[in-house]
C-alpha cells in the first residue's frame, strides 16, 4: 500500500507559484524568508487543511502584536483573498505578511508624528493644547469646539486625552463608527496626508538624537573631598593625583606642569583655574595626559605635547573633557578601546603632523568644539567608531575637515566645515555616517 507523503515547504511554494493566483509577492522575499513564513503558516493552520480561516487569523495577528477589533479579521481576509474562497492560502498569506510589514513601517512613521508634533511633553497622553499646537504646525488654526470634537471622535477611553493607539487608529481611517463634522474629518485627513512628510523629517531627528552613555554611578557612591593645588612645582600634579581617593576633586591654580600625567583614580576631577591658566606641557613619546579609569572629569586645562605622543589619550571609560585646549605635534586627542567620552567646548588645534582627534573602536559625544589648523584631518574616525558631533567647527586644516574610514558611522549635525585643504568630509571604505544640517564649503 502506497504511503501518502506530507507536503513539504517547497511543495506548497511551488504549488502556489504554479497556480492561477498572482505570484509576484514571492519575488519580494528571499528563499529563506519564504521558508520561514511557511513555517509560521503551518503553525497557524491548526487543522492542517492548507488554509487559514478567520478564527486562525485572530490567533496569528495576536501573536504578531496586533489584537484585531471585531470584524477586522474578516476585512483583512477580504483584502488578500484573491480567489474569493473566504480563507487564506499560502500565497495570500505571503501577501498579508507583506502588508503587515508595510503596516509596521506606517506605525513607526505615525509614532514619530505623535511624539515629535503632537506629544512633545512625552507623557503619552495628547492634551487639547498639544493637539492645537500640532494642528497649527500643519497649517490648521482650530477652535476649541473643533479640537474637542477631534478628540471625542478618536478617544476610545473617553478621558479627554489621546493615546498613540487612538491617534494611530484615526490615521488608519477607523473612527470606531463615531460621527464627526466634515471640518473635523478634513483635519484628520490633513494629519494623514502630512504624516509621511513629517515622519521622514522627525525620523532623521530621532536618528540624530544625542546618544546615551552607558554608565552609572555605583550604588555605594560617595562624594570625595576637594584639594587645592597651589604649588608652582612643575612635577607636583602626578603625586597629588596618586594621593587622591575615589571621587576627589583637585582645584589646580595657574601653573605649568612638565611631566606626563596618568589619571587612574575612579571618579576624580581635575579642574584648572578659570581665571588663570593651567597648562600641562611636555615633550614626550607618551601622551601628555592619559585617562585610564571609567569615570573622571578634566576641565579648564591646556594640554600640549611637542613630542611624538598625542596630547591626550583615552584608554577606557566615560571621561568628561570640558573647556580644554589640546595641541599635539603628532596628534591631539586619541580615543580607543570602546571608550565613550564627552568632549565639550574644547579646542583641538595646530597638530603639526597628524589629526586633531583620532577615534578607533570607540564612541564620543563632541559638542561645541573647534578643530582648527590640524595637518592630517580635524576628526578622523576609524574601525567601526561612531561619534555624535554637534555645533562644532572644522576649519583651516591642511587635510580634510572630517574623515570617516573603515566601516565607521556616526552623526554630524549643525556644524561648520570650511577652509580646509581637502574635502570637507571624506567617507571611504564602507563608512556610513549621517550628515544633517551642516554648512560645508570645502569640495
Protein backbone atom coordinates (compact mmCIF):
# COMPACT_ATOMS: atom_id res chain seq x y z
CA UNK A 1 0.00 0.00 0.00
CA UNK A 2 1.45 3.32 -1.00
CA UNK A 3 2.21 5.77 1.81
CA UNK A 4 0.94 9.31 1.35
CA UNK A 5 3.75 11.80 1.92
CA UNK A 6 3.17 15.05 3.82
CA UNK A 7 3.65 18.08 1.52
CA UNK A 8 6.92 19.91 2.13
CA UNK A 9 7.57 23.63 2.21
CA UNK A 10 8.84 23.51 -1.36
CA UNK A 11 5.71 21.63 -2.44
CA UNK A 12 3.46 24.38 -1.08
CA UNK A 13 5.60 27.14 -2.57
CA UNK A 14 5.78 25.51 -5.99
CA UNK A 15 2.06 24.78 -5.92
CA UNK A 16 1.27 28.40 -5.12
CA UNK A 17 3.57 29.59 -7.87
CA UNK A 18 2.10 27.17 -10.38
CA UNK A 19 -1.49 28.05 -9.52
CA UNK A 20 -3.77 30.62 -11.11
CA UNK A 21 -3.23 33.16 -8.34
CA UNK A 22 -0.79 36.06 -8.81
CA UNK A 23 2.67 35.14 -7.51
CA UNK A 24 4.68 38.37 -7.76
CA UNK A 25 4.74 38.51 -3.96
CA UNK A 26 7.29 35.67 -3.94
CA UNK A 27 9.83 37.80 -5.78
CA UNK A 28 9.79 40.34 -2.94
CA UNK A 29 11.06 37.87 -0.33
CA UNK A 30 14.20 35.74 -0.19
CA UNK A 31 14.02 31.93 -0.22
CA UNK A 32 14.89 31.91 3.49
CA UNK A 33 12.12 34.41 4.31
CA UNK A 34 9.61 32.42 2.27
CA UNK A 35 10.55 29.20 4.08
CA UNK A 36 10.24 30.93 7.45
CA UNK A 37 6.81 32.35 6.57
CA UNK A 38 5.72 28.87 5.53
CA UNK A 39 6.68 27.50 8.94
CA UNK A 40 4.52 30.20 10.53
CA UNK A 41 1.69 29.40 8.09
CA UNK A 42 1.80 25.73 9.13
CA UNK A 43 1.80 26.62 12.83
CA UNK A 44 -1.42 28.61 12.49
CA UNK A 45 -3.13 26.31 10.05
CA UNK A 46 -4.13 24.32 13.11
CA UNK A 47 -6.34 21.79 11.33
CA UNK A 48 -3.74 21.22 8.57
CA UNK A 49 -6.18 21.74 5.72
CA UNK A 50 -3.84 24.05 3.76
CA UNK A 51 -5.58 27.35 4.51
CA UNK A 52 -6.26 29.77 7.39
CA UNK A 53 -9.77 30.76 8.39
CA UNK A 54 -11.00 33.78 10.36
CA UNK A 55 -10.58 32.10 13.76
CA UNK A 56 -7.00 31.07 12.99
CA UNK A 57 -6.23 34.57 11.69
CA UNK A 58 -7.22 36.10 15.05
CA UNK A 59 -4.60 33.91 16.71
CA UNK A 60 -1.90 34.85 14.17
CA UNK A 61 -2.37 38.60 14.45
CA UNK A 62 -2.44 38.45 18.24
CA UNK A 63 0.96 36.71 18.23
CA UNK A 64 2.23 39.39 15.83
CA UNK A 65 1.27 42.06 18.37
CA UNK A 66 -1.98 43.25 16.81
CA UNK A 67 -5.21 42.35 18.54
CA UNK A 68 -7.84 42.72 15.83
CA UNK A 69 -11.07 44.55 16.54
CA UNK A 70 -14.37 42.85 15.74
CA UNK A 71 -14.75 42.49 12.00
CA UNK A 72 -11.13 43.41 11.21
CA UNK A 73 -10.14 39.77 10.65
CA UNK A 74 -12.89 39.40 8.09
CA UNK A 75 -11.86 42.62 6.34
CA UNK A 76 -8.22 41.52 6.30
CA UNK A 77 -9.18 38.22 4.69
CA UNK A 78 -11.15 40.12 2.05
CA UNK A 79 -8.10 42.29 1.29
CA UNK A 80 -5.86 39.32 0.44
CA UNK A 81 -8.42 36.72 -0.63
CA UNK A 82 -7.87 36.95 -4.39
CA UNK A 83 -9.94 33.84 -5.27
CA UNK A 84 -12.98 34.72 -3.11
CA UNK A 85 -12.77 31.50 -1.10
CA UNK A 86 -13.19 33.25 2.24
CA UNK A 87 -9.97 31.72 3.59
CA UNK A 88 -6.26 32.43 3.16
CA UNK A 89 -4.00 30.15 1.15
CA UNK A 90 -0.20 30.34 1.40
CA UNK A 91 0.39 32.83 -1.42
CA UNK A 92 -2.32 35.04 0.06
CA UNK A 93 -0.71 34.64 3.48
CA UNK A 94 2.56 35.92 1.96
CA UNK A 95 0.69 38.95 0.65
CA UNK A 96 -0.71 39.51 4.14
CA UNK A 97 2.82 39.36 5.64
CA UNK A 98 3.93 42.00 3.14
CA UNK A 99 1.00 44.19 4.17
CA UNK A 100 1.87 43.64 7.84
CA UNK A 101 5.47 44.76 7.23
CA UNK A 102 4.20 47.88 5.45
CA UNK A 103 1.79 48.46 8.34
CA UNK A 104 4.72 48.26 10.79
CA UNK A 105 6.54 50.96 8.82
CA UNK A 106 3.46 53.19 8.81
CA UNK A 107 3.06 52.61 12.53
CA UNK A 108 6.65 53.75 13.15
CA UNK A 109 6.04 56.82 10.97
CA UNK A 110 2.92 57.62 12.96
CA UNK A 111 4.82 57.19 16.24
CA UNK A 112 7.32 59.82 15.11
CA UNK A 113 4.48 62.22 14.22
CA UNK A 114 2.73 61.61 17.56
CA UNK A 115 5.94 62.02 19.56
CA UNK A 116 7.53 65.00 17.84
CA UNK A 117 4.47 67.00 16.72
CA UNK A 118 1.52 66.19 18.97
CA UNK A 119 3.02 64.96 22.28
CA UNK A 120 6.24 66.88 22.81
CA UNK A 121 5.84 66.50 26.57
CA UNK A 122 6.49 62.79 26.14
CA UNK A 123 3.69 61.91 28.55
CA UNK A 124 1.98 59.52 26.13
CA UNK A 125 -1.29 61.47 26.55
CA UNK A 126 -2.01 64.16 23.95
CA UNK A 127 -3.81 67.12 25.51
CA UNK A 128 -6.06 69.60 23.74
CA UNK A 129 -3.33 72.25 23.80
CA UNK A 130 -0.83 69.82 22.29
CA UNK A 131 -3.37 68.97 19.58
CA UNK A 132 -3.87 72.70 18.93
CA UNK A 133 -0.10 73.25 18.61
CA UNK A 134 0.30 70.24 16.34
CA UNK A 135 -2.51 71.31 14.03
CA UNK A 136 -1.04 74.82 13.85
CA UNK A 137 2.26 73.31 12.70
CA UNK A 138 0.33 71.61 9.88
CA UNK A 139 -1.39 74.87 8.91
CA UNK A 140 -4.75 74.47 10.70
CA UNK A 141 -5.97 77.03 13.23
CA UNK A 142 -8.62 75.26 15.30
CA UNK A 143 -11.45 76.47 17.54
CA UNK A 144 -11.79 74.87 20.97
CA UNK A 145 -15.02 73.15 19.94
CA UNK A 146 -13.31 71.62 16.88
CA UNK A 147 -10.39 70.38 18.97
CA UNK A 148 -12.81 68.82 21.44
CA UNK A 149 -14.61 67.09 18.57
CA UNK A 150 -11.33 65.81 17.10
CA UNK A 151 -10.50 64.29 20.46
CA UNK A 152 -14.01 62.92 21.03
CA UNK A 153 -14.14 61.08 17.72
CA UNK A 154 -10.78 59.39 18.40
CA UNK A 155 -10.77 58.97 22.20
CA UNK A 156 -11.55 55.32 22.87
CA UNK A 157 -11.24 55.60 26.67
CA UNK A 158 -13.31 58.78 26.96
CA UNK A 159 -10.93 60.55 29.34
CA UNK A 160 -10.35 63.59 27.09
CA UNK A 161 -6.80 62.62 26.07
CA UNK A 162 -5.48 60.85 23.00
CA UNK A 163 -3.06 57.98 23.34
CA UNK A 164 -0.92 56.79 20.47
CA UNK A 165 -3.30 53.92 19.72
CA UNK A 166 -6.18 56.43 19.37
CA UNK A 167 -4.06 58.61 17.11
CA UNK A 168 -2.83 55.68 15.01
CA UNK A 169 -6.35 54.31 14.63
CA UNK A 170 -7.58 57.62 13.21
CA UNK A 171 -4.70 57.75 10.75
CA UNK A 172 -5.71 54.26 9.63
CA UNK A 173 -9.18 55.65 8.89
CA UNK A 174 -11.00 53.88 11.72
CA UNK A 175 -13.21 56.22 13.74
CA UNK A 176 -15.00 53.37 15.57
CA UNK A 177 -18.19 54.32 13.74
CA UNK A 178 -18.42 57.68 15.51
CA UNK A 179 -19.84 60.57 13.56
CA UNK A 180 -17.94 63.83 13.18
CA UNK A 181 -18.35 67.04 11.22
CA UNK A 182 -16.80 67.50 7.78
CA UNK A 183 -14.33 70.03 9.24
CA UNK A 184 -13.05 67.58 11.85
CA UNK A 185 -12.75 64.70 9.40
CA UNK A 186 -10.92 67.02 7.00
CA UNK A 187 -8.50 67.86 9.81
CA UNK A 188 -7.82 64.20 10.48
CA UNK A 189 -7.32 63.71 6.73
CA UNK A 190 -4.81 66.56 6.77
CA UNK A 191 -2.85 64.82 9.52
CA UNK A 192 -2.97 61.59 7.50
CA UNK A 193 -1.72 63.32 4.33
CA UNK A 194 1.10 65.14 6.09
CA UNK A 195 2.20 62.24 8.32
CA UNK A 196 4.74 60.68 5.87
CA UNK A 197 6.49 64.03 5.28
CA UNK A 198 6.58 64.88 8.97
CA UNK A 199 7.70 61.35 9.85
CA UNK A 200 10.61 61.46 7.40
CA UNK A 201 11.81 64.69 8.98
CA UNK A 202 11.47 63.58 12.58
CA UNK A 203 12.79 60.07 11.86
CA UNK A 204 16.02 61.85 10.96
CA UNK A 205 15.77 63.89 14.17
CA UNK A 206 15.41 60.63 16.06
CA UNK A 207 18.46 59.12 14.35
CA UNK A 208 20.44 62.25 15.15
CA UNK A 209 19.35 62.40 18.79
CA UNK A 210 22.17 62.60 21.31
CA UNK A 211 23.16 59.06 22.38
CA UNK A 212 23.13 57.93 25.98
CA UNK A 213 26.42 56.89 27.53
CA UNK A 214 26.08 53.51 29.18
CA UNK A 215 27.46 54.10 32.66
CA UNK A 216 26.03 54.54 36.11
CA UNK A 217 27.48 55.67 39.37
CA UNK A 218 27.91 52.72 41.74
CA UNK A 219 25.25 52.29 44.39
CA UNK A 220 27.86 52.92 47.09
CA UNK A 221 28.95 56.24 45.50
CA UNK A 222 30.12 58.93 47.94
CA UNK A 223 31.29 62.45 47.19
CA UNK A 224 35.04 62.91 47.65
CA UNK A 225 36.98 65.79 49.09
CA UNK A 226 38.34 68.87 47.29
CA UNK A 227 42.05 69.58 47.29
CA UNK A 228 43.57 72.86 46.16
CA UNK A 229 46.96 72.66 44.42
CA UNK A 230 48.77 75.97 44.76
CA UNK A 231 52.41 74.95 44.36
CA UNK A 232 54.43 76.10 41.36
CA UNK A 233 56.41 72.86 41.38
CA UNK A 234 56.11 71.59 37.75
CA UNK A 235 56.20 67.98 38.96
CA UNK A 236 53.64 68.23 41.74
CA UNK A 237 50.48 67.23 39.84
CA UNK A 238 51.05 63.46 39.46
CA UNK A 239 51.87 62.86 43.16
CA UNK A 240 48.75 64.85 44.09
CA UNK A 241 46.60 62.67 41.81
CA UNK A 242 48.15 59.48 43.18
CA UNK A 243 47.30 60.62 46.71
CA UNK A 244 43.59 61.06 45.94
CA UNK A 245 40.72 58.76 46.80
CA UNK A 246 37.75 57.94 44.59
CA UNK A 247 35.62 60.94 43.55
CA UNK A 248 38.06 63.55 44.89
CA UNK A 249 38.46 66.92 43.15
CA UNK A 250 41.74 68.75 42.56
CA UNK A 251 41.41 72.51 42.07
CA UNK A 252 44.59 73.49 40.21
CA UNK A 253 45.73 77.11 40.38
CA UNK A 254 47.61 78.65 37.46
CA UNK A 255 50.80 76.80 36.68
CA UNK A 256 52.76 74.80 34.10
CA UNK A 257 53.34 71.07 34.66
CA UNK A 258 56.08 69.47 32.59
CA UNK A 259 55.71 65.71 33.15
CA UNK A 260 53.20 63.32 31.51
CA UNK A 261 50.15 62.75 33.69
CA UNK A 262 48.23 59.47 34.14
CA UNK A 263 44.75 59.54 35.71
CA UNK A 264 43.61 56.16 37.07
CA UNK A 265 41.66 57.17 40.20
CA UNK A 266 37.95 56.42 39.75
CA UNK A 267 35.68 59.48 39.62
CA UNK A 268 38.44 62.06 40.05
CA UNK A 269 38.03 65.64 38.79
CA UNK A 270 40.95 67.80 37.63
CA UNK A 271 39.79 71.41 37.41
CA UNK A 272 42.13 74.08 36.13
CA UNK A 273 41.92 77.72 37.16
CA UNK A 274 39.04 79.51 35.48
CA UNK A 275 40.65 82.93 35.68
CA UNK A 276 44.28 81.82 35.45
CA UNK A 277 45.98 79.42 33.06
CA UNK A 278 46.69 75.80 33.91
CA UNK A 279 48.96 74.03 31.42
CA UNK A 280 50.32 70.52 31.05
CA UNK A 281 53.18 70.88 28.53
CA UNK A 282 55.58 68.05 27.71
CA UNK A 283 57.96 66.83 25.01
CA UNK A 284 57.41 63.09 25.21
CA UNK A 285 56.76 59.91 23.28
CA UNK A 286 53.99 59.25 25.83
CA UNK A 287 50.69 61.17 25.93
CA UNK A 288 50.80 64.38 27.96
CA UNK A 289 47.59 63.20 29.65
CA UNK A 290 46.39 59.56 29.77
CA UNK A 291 42.96 58.61 31.16
CA UNK A 292 42.69 55.05 32.47
CA UNK A 293 39.57 54.96 34.64
CA UNK A 294 35.86 54.50 33.95
CA UNK A 295 34.83 57.93 35.21
CA UNK A 296 36.74 61.16 35.51
CA UNK A 297 36.37 64.82 34.61
CA UNK A 298 39.02 67.14 33.17
CA UNK A 299 38.20 70.86 32.97
CA UNK A 300 39.84 74.20 32.04
CA UNK A 301 43.33 72.92 31.17
CA UNK A 302 45.61 73.49 28.18
CA UNK A 303 47.40 70.28 27.20
CA UNK A 304 50.40 70.34 24.84
CA UNK A 305 52.79 67.63 23.65
CA UNK A 306 55.74 68.68 21.48
CA UNK A 307 56.95 65.06 21.18
CA UNK A 308 55.79 62.02 19.25
CA UNK A 309 52.97 61.05 21.60
CA UNK A 310 49.45 62.51 21.40
CA UNK A 311 48.41 65.32 23.71
CA UNK A 312 45.56 63.34 25.33
CA UNK A 313 44.80 59.61 25.19
CA UNK A 314 41.59 58.00 26.44
CA UNK A 315 42.26 54.33 27.13
CA UNK A 316 38.87 53.40 28.60
CA UNK A 317 35.67 54.59 30.23
CA UNK A 318 33.46 57.65 30.04
CA UNK A 319 35.52 60.73 30.87
CA UNK A 320 34.11 64.25 30.61
CA UNK A 321 36.50 66.66 28.86
CA UNK A 322 35.30 70.25 29.14
CA UNK A 323 36.83 73.55 28.02
CA UNK A 324 40.23 72.09 27.15
CA UNK A 325 42.80 73.35 24.65
CA UNK A 326 44.51 70.33 23.09
CA UNK A 327 47.60 70.65 20.94
CA UNK A 328 49.82 67.73 19.96
CA UNK A 329 52.61 67.89 17.43
CA UNK A 330 51.91 64.27 16.49
CA UNK A 331 48.18 64.18 17.29
CA UNK A 332 45.70 65.88 19.60
CA UNK A 333 43.12 63.58 21.24
CA UNK A 334 43.30 59.79 20.72
CA UNK A 335 40.18 57.80 21.77
CA UNK A 336 40.28 53.99 21.68
CA UNK A 337 39.25 50.69 23.28
CA UNK A 338 35.45 51.22 23.27
CA UNK A 339 35.76 54.42 25.28
CA UNK A 340 32.87 56.89 25.16
CA UNK A 341 33.96 60.36 26.32
CA UNK A 342 32.03 63.61 26.33
CA UNK A 343 34.14 66.29 24.63
CA UNK A 344 32.50 69.68 25.17
CA UNK A 345 33.62 73.22 24.33
CA UNK A 346 37.17 72.09 23.58
CA UNK A 347 39.66 73.46 21.05
CA UNK A 348 41.83 70.95 19.17
CA UNK A 349 44.36 72.85 17.14
CA UNK A 350 47.69 73.08 15.33
CA UNK A 351 48.58 69.41 15.18
CA UNK A 352 51.81 69.68 13.23
CA UNK A 353 51.95 66.25 11.64
CA UNK A 354 48.66 64.47 12.37
CA UNK A 355 44.99 64.77 13.36
CA UNK A 356 43.12 66.89 15.83
CA UNK A 357 41.18 63.85 17.09
CA UNK A 358 41.50 60.15 16.18
CA UNK A 359 38.88 57.54 17.10
CA UNK A 360 39.40 53.77 16.90
CA UNK A 361 36.72 51.27 18.00
CA UNK A 362 35.13 53.90 20.21
CA UNK A 363 32.29 56.40 20.55
CA UNK A 364 32.23 60.05 21.58
CA UNK A 365 29.85 62.94 22.11
CA UNK A 366 31.53 66.01 20.61
CA UNK A 367 29.61 69.22 21.30
CA UNK A 368 30.54 72.84 20.56
CA UNK A 369 34.18 72.10 19.77
CA UNK A 370 36.65 73.84 17.46
CA UNK A 371 39.09 71.93 15.24
CA UNK A 372 41.50 74.28 13.51
CA UNK A 373 44.89 74.20 11.82
CA UNK A 374 45.35 70.43 12.04
CA UNK A 375 47.62 68.79 9.50
CA UNK A 376 46.04 65.42 8.73
CA UNK A 377 42.33 65.94 9.34
CA UNK A 378 40.39 67.63 12.09
CA UNK A 379 38.48 64.48 13.12
CA UNK A 380 39.50 61.03 11.85
CA UNK A 381 37.02 58.20 12.58
CA UNK A 382 38.23 54.63 12.01
CA UNK A 383 37.48 50.96 12.79
CA UNK A 384 33.76 50.94 13.47
CA UNK A 385 33.85 54.09 15.62
CA UNK A 386 30.74 56.25 15.90
CA UNK A 387 30.92 59.88 17.11
CA UNK A 388 27.96 62.19 17.68
CA UNK A 389 29.15 65.65 16.58
CA UNK A 390 27.06 68.79 17.04
CA UNK A 391 27.60 72.57 16.67
CA UNK A 392 31.32 72.19 16.03
CA UNK A 393 33.70 73.93 13.61
CA UNK A 394 36.32 72.27 11.41
CA UNK A 395 38.50 74.82 9.63
CA UNK A 396 41.91 75.76 8.26
CA UNK A 397 43.29 72.22 8.24
CA UNK A 398 45.76 71.05 5.64
CA UNK A 399 43.76 67.86 5.12
CA UNK A 400 40.03 67.09 5.32
CA UNK A 401 37.74 68.53 7.95
CA UNK A 402 36.37 65.07 8.89
CA UNK A 403 37.37 61.61 7.64
CA UNK A 404 35.10 58.56 8.07
CA UNK A 405 37.03 55.40 7.22
CA UNK A 406 36.96 51.61 7.72
CA UNK A 407 33.22 50.94 8.43
CA UNK A 408 32.89 53.97 10.71
CA UNK A 409 29.47 55.56 11.29
CA UNK A 410 28.12 58.36 13.45
CA UNK A 411 26.26 61.66 13.18
CA UNK A 412 27.45 65.16 12.27
CA UNK A 413 24.86 67.91 12.56
CA UNK A 414 24.63 71.68 12.69
CA UNK A 415 28.40 72.04 12.21
CA UNK A 416 30.58 74.31 10.05
CA UNK A 417 33.23 72.72 7.85
CA UNK A 418 35.20 75.30 5.89
CA UNK A 419 38.61 76.50 4.63
CA UNK A 420 40.25 73.07 4.74
CA UNK A 421 42.88 71.95 2.27
CA UNK A 422 40.95 68.88 1.04
CA UNK A 423 37.33 67.67 1.10
CA UNK A 424 35.21 68.95 3.95
CA UNK A 425 34.02 65.41 4.73
CA UNK A 426 35.63 62.27 3.25
CA UNK A 427 33.73 58.97 3.50
CA UNK A 428 35.56 55.81 2.42
CA UNK A 429 35.94 52.03 2.90
CA UNK A 430 32.40 51.18 3.92
CA UNK A 431 31.85 54.09 6.30
CA UNK A 432 28.23 55.25 6.65
CA UNK A 433 27.75 58.49 8.64
CA UNK A 434 24.64 60.69 8.84
CA UNK A 435 25.29 64.34 7.89
CA UNK A 436 22.42 66.74 8.66
CA UNK A 437 22.00 70.50 8.65
CA UNK A 438 25.71 71.24 8.26
CA UNK A 439 27.40 74.07 6.36
CA UNK A 440 30.16 72.56 4.21
CA UNK A 441 32.03 74.93 1.89
CA UNK A 442 35.01 72.70 1.06
CA UNK A 443 34.98 70.48 -2.02
